[in-house]
Amino acid sequence: MTSLASAITGRWVQTRGPLFTDMYELAMAQVYVTQGISERAAQFDHFFRSTPDYGTHQAGYCVSAGLEPFMGWLGGLRIDDSHIEALAAMTSPTGTPVFGTEFLDWLAAPDRFEGIEVRAIAEGRVVHPHIPIVTVTGPLAVCQLLETSLLNHFNYPTLIATKAARVVRSARGGRVLEFGMRRGPATGVNEGIRGALIGGCVSTSNVEAAIALGRQPIGTHAHSLVQAYMAIGDGELGAFRAMAQAAPDECILLVDTVDTLASGVPNAITVFDELRADGHEPVGVRLDSGDLAYLAVQTAKLLDAAGYPGVSIVLSSDLDELNIWQILTQIADEAEREGMDPNPIRQRLVYGVGTRLITSHGSGALNGVYKLVGIEDEHGEWTPAIKISEDPGKIPLPGRKAVWRLYDHRDVAIVDLIGLSDEEPLPLDENVVHHPNHSGVNQIIRRADIARVEPLLVTPESGASIDELAARCATDLDHLDPGVRRLVNPHRYHVSITDELHKLRADLVTRAK
């Protein structure tokens, strides 16, 4: 990584400090300190309860993102005098200090955030509801303080990585560019863009993010360039020539400011001829309005006739996975009417996806949570923790756990199995497994039907490039059944718990009640 990229990446990590948390985390930590249980070992699990629901259709999977930025933040976490002074100055409505001296002295210890053990499912992996994506083990009060920031680090990037993976798959091999910086959240857009690249976008228009993540930023020009040259009398052709002169080897021209087919594309071809005469090859044209499928076919027809079959056609304008799918379907019909093969047209398409990607249009939040699953008792013995709820979906899985992905003899992932950390995943020839929420719903997994078993929770490793994370995502998606990858009404991927974990939770619920 270059020094500039390192500096930019470092700034990302530094945007969140040790007080980047909800007030109730500090309030609970103070309770633990004053009651003398702050140093008891505890474990919290981060997971999400359901995949994003886009209103008319629900995702069949998610893609994990956010782990390396979180580990960087955690590794650099320090409390200094200014943080302590700010907390000490807080008072209640009656004027009493919110935080006492005992708690502030505890918090100010220079090694306060050391000794935390993190295990996680690697970034870029496909993940499913109820699976522990991250486990955090350490002193109770410290683990509690990490909750809000951990969820902030994971929920939004995972949401965007998931949306990006869906968009990229819908493009059927067409390249997808991330164009959403201007519409993303001010303090989270960089992490969202990182998630989009993990999900398969090839680059971004965000210069800072591209440099930090080792990508070449991508951009064309806006309508304002053409408008400016029209206003000063040089017209659309003059604007195109100016753009080509400035970037002769990266020339992509926006052709819909005046009239796409009557003016924009013909003027672009004129400039492309001039570029070629000077020894350069044009890159593409961009369509940002109108009937994109129809215009893409007609533009391809004009470019082919002019001798530019390799020039890309970039489509933009509120794209997402469903309208890309619809565009590709319509292109087949339009091409047939013109007597053209639709496949070369599809292969030259590039998609600039902005607002609907960076905002996860239709499902703006991932319901990721962070729950206590175990703690040391007064004798130093490990005790699983349980939370009771009238909603079975909100009763977490207790105890220290392992997660395994099971593949059948087609090498297709068919179930993620959650069990206790000291269990074997398939100890018997026939193994009873249970639904993670609904009592009485179970099935049998025969060991003979499983070709391989893959442990998912591992000690995090840093240094993987975005290309490696994106490749990991693509591989996991390739190993999913096509029905699970489907954009609309996907098959439900099976997540199950072992018989031992099922019995432990049932016993804890009974005792708690």
Protein backbone atom coordinates (compact mmCIF):
# COMPACT_ATOMS: atom_id res chain seq x y z
CA MET A 1 0.00 0.00 0.00
CA THR A 2 1.36 3.43 -0.90
CA SER A 3 2.02 6.01 1.80
CA LEU A 4 -0.94 8.08 0.56
CA ALA A 5 -3.23 5.05 0.69
CA SER A 6 -1.97 4.22 4.17
CA ALA A 7 -2.60 7.76 5.35
CA ILE A 8 -6.14 7.77 3.98
CA THR A 9 -6.90 4.36 5.46
CA GLY A 10 -5.55 5.57 8.80
CA ARG A 11 -7.91 8.54 8.75
CA TRP A 12 -10.83 6.17 8.26
CA VAL A 13 -9.87 4.27 11.40
CA GLN A 14 -9.44 7.48 13.37
CA THR A 15 -12.92 8.82 12.62
CA ARG A 16 -14.28 6.82 15.56
CA GLY A 17 -12.91 7.37 19.04
CA PRO A 18 -13.34 5.50 22.34
CA LEU A 19 -16.53 7.45 23.10
CA PHE A 20 -18.10 6.42 19.79
CA THR A 21 -20.82 4.56 21.66
CA ASP A 22 -24.32 4.84 23.07
CA MET A 23 -24.76 6.36 26.50
CA TYR A 24 -26.31 3.22 27.91
CA GLU A 25 -23.10 1.25 27.25
CA LEU A 26 -21.23 3.58 29.60
CA ALA A 27 -24.05 3.45 32.13
CA MET A 28 -23.97 -0.36 32.19
CA ALA A 29 -20.18 -0.44 32.38
CA GLN A 30 -20.35 1.82 35.44
CA VAL A 31 -22.80 -0.60 37.08
CA TYR A 32 -20.43 -3.51 36.44
CA VAL A 33 -17.48 -1.56 37.89
CA THR A 34 -19.23 -0.33 41.01
CA GLN A 35 -20.73 -3.76 41.68
CA GLY A 36 -17.38 -5.49 41.34
CA ILE A 37 -18.12 -7.71 38.33
CA SER A 38 -16.47 -5.68 35.58
CA GLU A 39 -13.52 -8.06 35.21
CA ARG A 40 -15.51 -11.26 34.94
CA ALA A 41 -14.90 -12.94 31.61
CA ALA A 42 -17.88 -12.70 29.28
CA GLN A 43 -18.73 -13.46 25.68
CA PHE A 44 -20.97 -11.52 23.33
CA ASP A 45 -22.10 -12.66 19.88
CA HIS A 46 -22.90 -10.44 16.92
CA PHE A 47 -25.44 -11.82 14.44
CA PHE A 48 -28.43 -10.63 12.42
CA ARG A 49 -31.95 -11.98 12.67
CA SER A 50 -33.12 -11.75 9.05
CA THR A 51 -31.81 -10.87 5.62
CA PRO A 52 -32.74 -7.49 4.09
CA ASP A 53 -36.37 -7.28 3.03
CA TYR A 54 -36.76 -5.01 0.00
CA GLY A 55 -40.54 -4.88 0.26
CA THR A 56 -41.54 -7.17 -2.59
CA HIS A 57 -38.56 -9.48 -2.28
CA GLN A 58 -36.13 -10.61 0.41
CA ALA A 59 -32.46 -11.41 0.00
CA GLY A 60 -31.49 -15.06 0.21
CA TYR A 61 -28.15 -14.27 1.86
CA CYS A 62 -25.88 -11.52 3.18
CA VAL A 63 -22.20 -10.77 2.59
CA SER A 64 -20.10 -10.00 5.66
CA ALA A 65 -18.11 -6.75 5.61
CA GLY A 66 -16.52 -4.46 8.19
CA LEU A 67 -14.17 -6.80 10.05
CA GLU A 68 -10.79 -5.28 9.18
CA PRO A 69 -11.89 -1.67 9.88
CA PHE A 70 -13.33 -2.83 13.20
CA MET A 71 -10.12 -4.64 14.17
CA GLY A 72 -8.11 -1.54 13.21
CA TRP A 73 -10.35 0.62 15.39
CA LEU A 74 -10.12 -1.82 18.28
CA GLY A 75 -6.35 -2.07 18.02
CA GLY A 76 -5.95 1.70 18.23
CA LEU A 77 -8.47 2.30 21.01
CA ARG A 78 -7.12 4.56 23.75
CA ILE A 79 -8.68 6.70 26.49
CA ASP A 80 -6.92 10.00 27.14
CA ASP A 81 -7.39 12.83 29.63
CA SER A 82 -9.75 14.74 27.34
CA HIS A 83 -12.19 11.81 27.25
CA ILE A 84 -12.15 11.44 31.02
CA GLU A 85 -12.60 15.20 31.50
CA ALA A 86 -15.60 15.22 29.15
CA LEU A 87 -17.28 12.37 31.02
CA ALA A 88 -16.46 13.88 34.41
CA ALA A 89 -18.17 17.12 33.37
CA MET A 90 -21.51 15.40 32.71
CA THR A 91 -24.13 16.05 35.37
CA SER A 92 -27.68 14.89 36.01
CA PRO A 93 -30.64 17.33 36.17
CA THR A 94 -30.02 17.63 39.90
CA GLY A 95 -26.37 18.56 39.36
CA THR A 96 -24.77 15.32 40.53
CA PRO A 97 -22.04 13.74 38.39
CA VAL A 98 -23.25 11.12 35.95
CA PHE A 99 -20.05 9.14 36.24
CA GLY A 100 -18.30 8.53 39.55
CA THR A 101 -14.61 8.61 40.32
CA GLU A 102 -14.38 4.82 40.68
CA PHE A 103 -15.67 4.25 37.18
CA LEU A 104 -13.60 7.02 35.60
CA ASP A 105 -10.43 5.73 37.27
CA TRP A 106 -11.21 2.26 35.96
CA LEU A 107 -11.85 3.58 32.45
CA ALA A 108 -8.65 5.64 32.42
CA ALA A 109 -6.35 2.61 32.82
CA PRO A 110 -3.86 2.66 29.92
CA ASP A 111 -4.42 -1.01 29.11
CA ARG A 112 -8.19 -0.83 29.41
CA PHE A 113 -8.97 -2.23 25.95
CA GLU A 114 -6.36 -4.95 25.92
CA GLY A 115 -7.10 -8.63 26.44
CA ILE A 116 -10.06 -8.81 24.06
CA GLU A 117 -10.33 -12.01 22.02
CA VAL A 118 -12.21 -11.75 18.73
CA ARG A 119 -13.26 -14.64 16.51
CA ALA A 120 -15.18 -13.99 13.32
CA ILE A 121 -16.38 -15.25 9.99
CA ALA A 122 -13.97 -13.85 7.42
CA GLU A 123 -14.94 -10.77 5.44
CA GLY A 124 -16.46 -11.44 2.06
CA ARG A 125 -18.09 -14.68 3.18
CA VAL A 126 -21.75 -15.29 2.56
CA VAL A 127 -23.56 -15.31 5.91
CA HIS A 128 -27.06 -16.12 7.07
CA PRO A 129 -29.46 -15.22 9.91
CA HIS A 130 -28.67 -16.32 13.49
CA ILE A 131 -25.07 -17.29 12.64
CA PRO A 132 -22.53 -15.69 15.00
CA ILE A 133 -20.53 -13.48 12.65
CA VAL A 134 -18.31 -12.11 15.42
CA THR A 135 -17.70 -13.32 18.98
CA VAL A 136 -16.04 -11.02 21.51
CA THR A 137 -14.59 -12.46 24.73
CA GLY A 138 -12.98 -10.47 27.55
CA PRO A 139 -13.81 -8.49 30.70
CA LEU A 140 -17.56 -7.93 30.94
CA ALA A 141 -17.50 -4.12 31.14
CA VAL A 142 -15.03 -3.74 28.27
CA CYS A 143 -16.99 -6.08 26.00
CA GLN A 144 -20.11 -4.10 26.82
CA LEU A 145 -18.45 -0.84 25.78
CA LEU A 146 -17.68 -2.30 22.34
CA GLU A 147 -21.29 -3.06 21.42
CA THR A 148 -22.42 0.08 19.62
CA SER A 149 -19.25 0.64 17.62
CA LEU A 150 -19.04 -3.02 16.63
CA LEU A 151 -22.58 -2.93 15.29
CA ASN A 152 -21.88 0.35 13.50
CA HIS A 153 -18.76 -1.15 11.92
CA PHE A 154 -20.58 -4.24 10.63
CA ASN A 155 -24.27 -3.55 9.98
CA TYR A 156 -24.03 -0.88 7.28
CA PRO A 157 -21.06 -2.32 5.32
CA THR A 158 -22.66 -5.77 5.37
CA LEU A 159 -25.92 -4.27 4.10
CA ILE A 160 -24.12 -2.54 1.21
CA ALA A 161 -21.92 -5.55 0.37
CA THR A 162 -25.12 -7.62 0.16
CA LYS A 163 -26.85 -5.11 -2.10
CA ALA A 164 -23.75 -4.88 -4.29
CA ALA A 165 -23.51 -8.66 -4.65
CA ARG A 166 -27.13 -8.75 -5.79
CA VAL A 167 -26.55 -5.93 -8.28
CA VAL A 168 -23.37 -7.53 -9.64
CA ARG A 169 -25.06 -10.90 -10.08
CA SER A 170 -27.98 -9.28 -11.87
CA ALA A 171 -25.53 -7.73 -14.35
CA ARG A 172 -24.61 -11.22 -15.64
CA GLY A 173 -20.92 -10.49 -16.03
CA GLY A 174 -21.25 -6.78 -16.81
CA ARG A 175 -18.99 -4.52 -14.78
CA VAL A 176 -20.61 -2.51 -11.98
CA LEU A 177 -19.20 0.81 -10.78
CA GLU A 178 -20.09 2.41 -7.45
CA PHE A 179 -21.34 5.98 -8.03
CA GLY A 180 -23.11 6.75 -4.74
CA MET A 181 -20.79 9.00 -2.74
CA ARG A 182 -23.01 12.10 -2.98
CA ARG A 183 -26.02 10.21 -1.61
CA GLY A 184 -24.35 8.14 1.11
CA PRO A 185 -24.14 8.91 4.84
CA ALA A 186 -21.45 11.48 5.55
CA THR A 187 -19.67 9.45 8.24
CA GLY A 188 -20.18 6.01 6.72
CA VAL A 189 -19.97 6.33 2.96
CA ASN A 190 -16.33 5.16 2.80
CA GLU A 191 -17.20 1.97 4.67
CA GLY A 192 -20.21 1.50 2.41
CA ILE A 193 -18.03 1.85 -0.67
CA ARG A 194 -15.59 -0.68 0.76
CA GLY A 195 -18.53 -3.05 1.23
CA ALA A 196 -19.65 -2.41 -2.36
CA LEU A 197 -16.22 -3.43 -3.66
CA ILE A 198 -16.27 -6.57 -1.51
CA GLY A 199 -19.66 -7.35 -3.02
CA GLY A 200 -18.16 -7.23 -6.51
CA CYS A 201 -18.19 -3.63 -7.80
CA VAL A 202 -15.03 -3.15 -9.84
CA SER A 203 -14.34 0.42 -8.71
CA THR A 204 -15.81 3.65 -7.35
CA SER A 205 -16.05 7.30 -8.29
CA ASN A 206 -14.85 8.23 -4.76
CA VAL A 207 -11.21 9.21 -5.23
CA GLU A 208 -10.22 8.94 -1.57
CA ALA A 209 -11.81 5.51 -1.19
CA ALA A 210 -10.33 4.22 -4.41
CA ILE A 211 -6.81 5.27 -3.41
CA ALA A 212 -7.14 3.79 0.07
CA LEU A 213 -8.47 0.51 -1.30
CA GLY A 214 -5.99 0.14 -4.14
CA ARG A 215 -8.39 0.84 -7.01
CA GLN A 216 -8.29 3.29 -9.91
CA PRO A 217 -11.16 5.77 -9.41
CA ILE A 218 -13.64 5.84 -12.29
CA GLY A 219 -15.45 8.87 -13.67
CA THR A 220 -16.83 10.38 -16.86
CA HIS A 221 -18.21 13.92 -16.88
CA ALA A 222 -21.48 15.61 -15.97
CA HIS A 223 -24.06 17.32 -18.15
CA SER A 224 -22.69 20.63 -16.90
CA LEU A 225 -19.59 20.22 -19.08
CA VAL A 226 -21.72 20.08 -22.22
CA GLN A 227 -23.98 22.87 -20.94
CA ALA A 228 -20.97 25.10 -20.33
CA TYR A 229 -19.61 24.62 -23.85
CA MET A 230 -23.05 25.15 -25.35
CA ALA A 231 -23.35 28.42 -23.41
CA ILE A 232 -20.01 29.71 -24.69
CA GLY A 233 -20.87 28.75 -28.29
CA ASP A 234 -18.74 25.63 -28.85
CA GLY A 235 -21.65 23.23 -28.48
CA GLU A 236 -21.76 19.54 -27.57
CA LEU A 237 -19.07 18.65 -30.08
CA GLY A 238 -16.74 21.24 -28.58
CA ALA A 239 -17.32 19.79 -25.11
CA PHE A 240 -16.55 16.28 -26.34
CA ARG A 241 -13.37 17.45 -28.04
CA ALA A 242 -12.24 19.21 -24.87
CA MET A 243 -12.85 16.06 -22.84
CA ALA A 244 -10.98 13.91 -25.36
CA GLN A 245 -8.04 16.33 -25.36
CA ALA A 246 -7.85 16.23 -21.56
CA ALA A 247 -8.12 12.42 -21.32
CA PRO A 248 -7.35 10.87 -24.70
CA ASP A 249 -6.82 7.36 -23.33
CA GLU A 250 -9.70 7.43 -20.82
CA CYS A 251 -12.35 9.10 -22.92
CA ILE A 252 -15.93 8.30 -21.90
CA LEU A 253 -18.51 10.77 -23.22
CA LEU A 254 -21.95 11.48 -21.73
CA VAL A 255 -24.19 11.56 -24.80
CA ASP A 256 -27.69 12.44 -23.54
CA THR A 257 -27.48 16.18 -22.78
CA VAL A 258 -29.07 17.24 -26.09
CA ASP A 259 -30.41 14.26 -28.10
CA THR A 260 -28.81 10.89 -27.52
CA LEU A 261 -29.21 9.30 -30.95
CA ALA A 262 -29.46 12.36 -33.19
CA SER A 263 -26.67 14.37 -31.60
CA GLY A 264 -24.82 12.74 -28.71
CA VAL A 265 -23.71 9.46 -30.24
CA PRO A 266 -22.89 10.94 -33.70
CA ASN A 267 -20.79 13.68 -32.08
CA ALA A 268 -19.07 11.09 -29.91
CA ILE A 269 -18.24 9.04 -33.03
CA THR A 270 -16.75 12.13 -34.65
CA VAL A 271 -14.48 12.65 -31.66
CA PHE A 272 -13.65 8.94 -31.50
CA ASP A 273 -12.52 9.10 -35.15
CA GLU A 274 -10.27 12.02 -34.29
CA LEU A 275 -8.84 10.18 -31.29
CA ARG A 276 -8.12 7.09 -33.37
CA ALA A 277 -6.43 9.22 -36.01
CA ASP A 278 -4.11 10.51 -33.27
CA GLY A 279 -3.28 6.98 -32.08
CA HIS A 280 -5.74 6.67 -29.18
CA GLU A 281 -8.68 4.35 -28.64
CA PRO A 282 -11.91 5.62 -27.03
CA VAL A 283 -13.25 3.88 -23.93
CA GLY A 284 -17.00 4.43 -23.97
CA VAL A 285 -20.17 6.47 -23.93
CA ARG A 286 -22.58 6.96 -21.04
CA LEU A 287 -26.38 6.96 -21.09
CA ASP A 288 -27.97 8.62 -18.08
CA SER A 289 -31.60 9.08 -19.03
CA GLY A 290 -34.42 7.75 -21.17
CA ASP A 291 -35.25 4.17 -22.09
CA LEU A 292 -31.84 2.71 -21.32
CA ALA A 293 -32.45 -0.69 -22.93
CA TYR A 294 -33.69 0.80 -26.21
CA LEU A 295 -30.96 3.43 -26.24
CA ALA A 296 -28.26 0.85 -25.47
CA VAL A 297 -29.25 -1.25 -28.49
CA GLN A 298 -29.47 1.76 -30.81
CA THR A 299 -26.17 3.14 -29.51
CA ALA A 300 -24.50 -0.23 -30.05
CA LYS A 301 -25.87 -0.30 -33.60
CA LEU A 302 -24.43 3.16 -34.36
CA LEU A 303 -21.06 2.39 -32.76
CA ASP A 304 -20.76 -0.94 -34.57
CA ALA A 305 -21.53 0.70 -37.93
CA ALA A 306 -18.82 3.30 -37.23
CA GLY A 307 -16.24 0.62 -36.41
CA TYR A 308 -16.33 0.73 -32.60
CA PRO A 309 -17.68 -2.66 -31.47
CA GLY A 310 -15.38 -2.66 -28.45
CA VAL A 311 -16.47 0.68 -27.00
CA SER A 312 -18.26 0.31 -23.67
CA ILE A 313 -21.76 1.59 -23.05
CA VAL A 314 -22.11 2.85 -19.49
CA LEU A 315 -25.64 2.93 -18.10
CA SER A 316 -26.59 5.05 -15.09
CA SER A 317 -29.72 6.65 -13.57
CA ASP A 318 -31.19 5.07 -10.43
CA LEU A 319 -30.12 1.53 -11.24
CA ASP A 320 -30.48 -1.44 -8.92
CA GLU A 321 -30.57 -5.21 -9.27
CA LEU A 322 -34.15 -5.40 -10.49
CA ASN A 323 -34.06 -2.74 -13.17
CA ILE A 324 -30.71 -4.07 -14.44
CA TRP A 325 -32.40 -7.44 -14.73
CA GLN A 326 -35.29 -5.79 -16.60
CA ILE A 327 -32.93 -3.84 -18.88
CA LEU A 328 -31.10 -7.01 -19.89
CA THR A 329 -34.39 -8.77 -20.58
CA GLN A 330 -35.61 -5.87 -22.72
CA ILE A 331 -32.31 -5.67 -24.58
CA ALA A 332 -32.86 -9.21 -25.83
CA ASP A 333 -36.22 -8.18 -27.30
CA GLU A 334 -34.88 -4.91 -28.76
CA ALA A 335 -31.89 -6.67 -30.32
CA GLU A 336 -34.13 -9.33 -31.86
CA ARG A 337 -36.23 -6.63 -33.52
CA GLU A 338 -33.06 -5.09 -34.96
CA GLY A 339 -31.70 -8.46 -36.09
CA MET A 340 -28.78 -8.17 -33.67
CA ASP A 341 -27.22 -10.67 -31.29
CA PRO A 342 -27.92 -9.40 -27.73
CA ASN A 343 -24.88 -11.09 -26.16
CA PRO A 344 -22.20 -8.71 -27.54
CA ILE A 345 -24.37 -5.79 -26.38
CA ARG A 346 -24.65 -7.22 -22.86
CA GLN A 347 -20.93 -7.90 -22.73
CA ARG A 348 -20.03 -4.26 -23.46
CA LEU A 349 -22.38 -2.81 -20.83
CA VAL A 350 -21.05 -1.14 -17.69
CA TYR A 351 -23.39 -0.08 -14.89
CA GLY A 352 -22.89 3.02 -12.76
CA VAL A 353 -24.97 2.32 -9.67
CA GLY A 354 -25.29 5.08 -7.11
CA THR A 355 -28.18 6.03 -4.85
CA ARG A 356 -29.95 2.68 -4.76
CA LEU A 357 -26.74 0.88 -3.88
CA ILE A 358 -25.18 3.16 -1.27
CA THR A 359 -28.54 3.61 0.51
CA SER A 360 -29.58 -0.05 0.11
CA HIS A 361 -32.79 1.13 -1.49
CA GLY A 362 -35.81 -0.74 -0.13
CA SER A 363 -34.10 -1.97 3.04
CA GLY A 364 -32.14 0.74 4.78
CA ALA A 365 -30.85 -1.13 7.84
CA LEU A 366 -29.59 -4.57 8.79
CA ASN A 367 -31.03 -5.90 12.05
CA GLY A 368 -27.68 -6.97 13.46
CA VAL A 369 -27.49 -7.36 17.25
CA TYR A 370 -24.88 -8.03 19.93
CA LYS A 371 -25.96 -10.30 22.76
CA LEU A 372 -24.40 -11.65 25.94
CA VAL A 373 -24.16 -15.44 25.64
CA GLY A 374 -21.98 -16.40 28.61
CA ILE A 375 -20.22 -15.09 31.72
CA GLU A 376 -18.12 -16.31 34.63
CA ASP A 377 -20.03 -16.83 37.88
CA GLU A 378 -18.76 -15.88 41.34
CA HIS A 379 -16.70 -19.08 41.46
CA GLY A 380 -14.97 -18.43 38.15
CA GLU A 381 -17.03 -21.07 36.36
CA TRP A 382 -18.27 -20.41 32.83
CA THR A 383 -22.07 -20.00 32.75
CA PRO A 384 -24.15 -19.74 29.55
CA ALA A 385 -26.45 -16.69 29.47
CA ILE A 386 -30.00 -16.58 28.12
CA LYS A 387 -32.50 -13.87 27.25
CA ILE A 388 -36.21 -14.68 27.41
CA SER A 389 -38.65 -13.20 24.91
CA GLU A 390 -42.23 -13.78 23.85
CA ASP A 391 -40.85 -13.70 20.32
CA PRO A 392 -38.94 -16.97 19.73
CA GLY A 393 -36.78 -15.19 17.14
CA LYS A 394 -35.36 -12.95 19.88
CA ILE A 395 -34.12 -15.73 22.17
CA PRO A 396 -30.38 -15.87 21.41
CA LEU A 397 -28.29 -19.02 21.25
CA PRO A 398 -26.37 -19.35 24.53
CA GLY A 399 -22.83 -20.44 25.26
CA ARG A 400 -19.57 -20.67 23.38
CA LYS A 401 -20.28 -21.93 19.91
CA ALA A 402 -18.79 -23.17 16.67
CA VAL A 403 -20.25 -22.75 13.19
CA TRP A 404 -19.81 -25.19 10.32
CA ARG A 405 -20.86 -24.94 6.68
CA LEU A 406 -21.91 -28.26 5.21
CA TYR A 407 -21.54 -29.03 1.50
CA ASP A 408 -23.22 -31.83 -0.42
CA HIS A 409 -21.60 -33.97 -3.12
CA ARG A 410 -22.29 -31.27 -5.74
CA ASP A 411 -20.07 -28.99 -3.61
CA VAL A 412 -23.13 -26.83 -2.91
CA ALA A 413 -23.52 -25.31 0.56
CA ILE A 414 -26.76 -26.74 1.96
CA VAL A 415 -26.79 -25.82 5.66
CA ASP A 416 -24.91 -23.74 8.25
CA LEU A 417 -24.82 -25.67 11.50
CA ILE A 418 -24.34 -23.99 14.88
CA GLY A 419 -23.20 -26.07 17.83
CA LEU A 420 -21.31 -25.84 21.10
CA SER A 421 -17.59 -25.21 20.77
CA ASP A 422 -16.61 -28.62 22.13
CA GLU A 423 -18.92 -30.57 19.79
CA GLU A 424 -18.20 -32.49 16.63
CA PRO A 425 -20.48 -31.27 13.83
CA LEU A 426 -21.71 -34.70 12.69
CA PRO A 427 -20.92 -37.27 15.40
CA LEU A 428 -23.47 -39.84 14.19
CA ASP A 429 -24.43 -41.44 10.92
CA GLU A 430 -27.81 -39.70 11.31
CA ASN A 431 -27.88 -36.42 13.23
CA VAL A 432 -30.95 -34.58 14.49
CA VAL A 433 -30.66 -30.81 13.96
CA HIS A 434 -33.18 -28.11 14.86
CA HIS A 435 -34.53 -24.84 13.56
CA PRO A 436 -32.80 -21.99 15.45
CA ASN A 437 -36.14 -20.35 16.41
CA HIS A 438 -39.06 -22.72 16.17
CA SER A 439 -39.31 -25.53 18.67
CA GLY A 440 -40.40 -28.82 17.17
CA VAL A 441 -39.01 -28.08 13.70
CA ASN A 442 -36.12 -30.44 13.02
CA GLN A 443 -34.56 -32.61 10.37
CA ILE A 444 -32.04 -35.40 9.96
CA ILE A 445 -28.63 -34.82 8.39
CA ARG A 446 -27.01 -38.02 7.19
CA ARG A 447 -23.23 -37.99 7.36
CA ALA A 448 -23.09 -39.89 4.06
CA ASP A 449 -24.82 -36.98 2.30
CA ILE A 450 -22.15 -34.47 3.31
CA ALA A 451 -19.01 -34.18 1.18
CA ARG A 452 -17.16 -31.64 3.30
CA VAL A 453 -17.51 -29.61 6.48
CA GLU A 454 -15.97 -26.14 6.77
CA PRO A 455 -15.46 -24.31 10.10
CA LEU A 456 -16.48 -20.66 9.72
CA LEU A 457 -15.54 -18.90 12.98
CA VAL A 458 -11.80 -18.20 12.93
CA THR A 459 -9.22 -15.83 14.40
CA PRO A 460 -9.25 -12.71 12.17
CA GLU A 461 -6.36 -12.24 9.78
CA SER A 462 -5.52 -8.80 8.39
CA GLY A 463 -4.01 -7.78 5.10
CA ALA A 464 -6.39 -9.33 2.57
CA SER A 465 -6.81 -7.06 -0.43
CA ILE A 466 -10.20 -5.92 -1.69
CA ASP A 467 -9.66 -8.13 -4.74
CA GLU A 468 -9.17 -11.14 -2.47
CA LEU A 469 -12.28 -10.29 -0.45
CA ALA A 470 -14.33 -9.83 -3.63
CA ALA A 471 -13.06 -13.16 -4.96
CA ARG A 472 -14.02 -14.81 -1.67
CA CYS A 473 -17.52 -13.39 -2.01
CA ALA A 474 -17.84 -14.59 -5.61
CA THR A 475 -16.67 -18.09 -4.65
CA ASP A 476 -19.20 -18.35 -1.82
CA LEU A 477 -21.99 -17.20 -4.11
CA ASP A 478 -20.96 -19.78 -6.71
CA HIS A 479 -21.34 -22.47 -4.03
CA LEU A 480 -24.92 -21.42 -3.23
CA ASP A 481 -27.84 -23.15 -4.85
CA PRO A 482 -29.18 -20.95 -7.69
CA GLY A 483 -32.56 -20.85 -5.94
CA VAL A 484 -30.96 -19.14 -2.91
CA ARG A 485 -29.24 -16.58 -5.16
CA ARG A 486 -32.48 -15.74 -6.93
CA LEU A 487 -33.41 -12.04 -6.77
CA VAL A 488 -37.13 -12.52 -6.18
CA ASN A 489 -38.62 -15.13 -3.82
CA PRO A 490 -35.34 -16.95 -3.19
CA HIS A 491 -35.25 -20.33 -1.54
CA ARG A 492 -34.61 -20.17 2.20
CA TYR A 493 -31.09 -21.30 3.07
CA HIS A 494 -31.07 -23.74 5.97
CA VAL A 495 -29.54 -22.67 9.28
CA SER A 496 -29.75 -25.30 12.01
CA ILE A 497 -28.53 -25.89 15.55
CA THR A 498 -27.24 -29.14 16.96
CA ASP A 499 -29.24 -31.28 19.33
CA GLU A 500 -26.89 -30.39 22.21
CA LEU A 501 -27.28 -26.65 21.68
CA HIS A 502 -31.04 -27.06 21.33
CA LYS A 503 -31.19 -28.91 24.65
CA LEU A 504 -29.00 -26.32 26.41
CA ARG A 505 -31.18 -23.43 25.31
CA ALA A 506 -34.40 -25.25 26.23
CA ASP A 507 -33.00 -26.06 29.68
CA LEU A 508 -31.90 -22.46 30.29
CA VAL A 509 -35.28 -21.10 29.20
CA THR A 510 -37.07 -23.52 31.52
CA ARG A 511 -34.87 -22.60 34.48
CA ALA A 512 -35.19 -18.86 33.79
CA LYS A 513 -38.98 -19.08 33.75
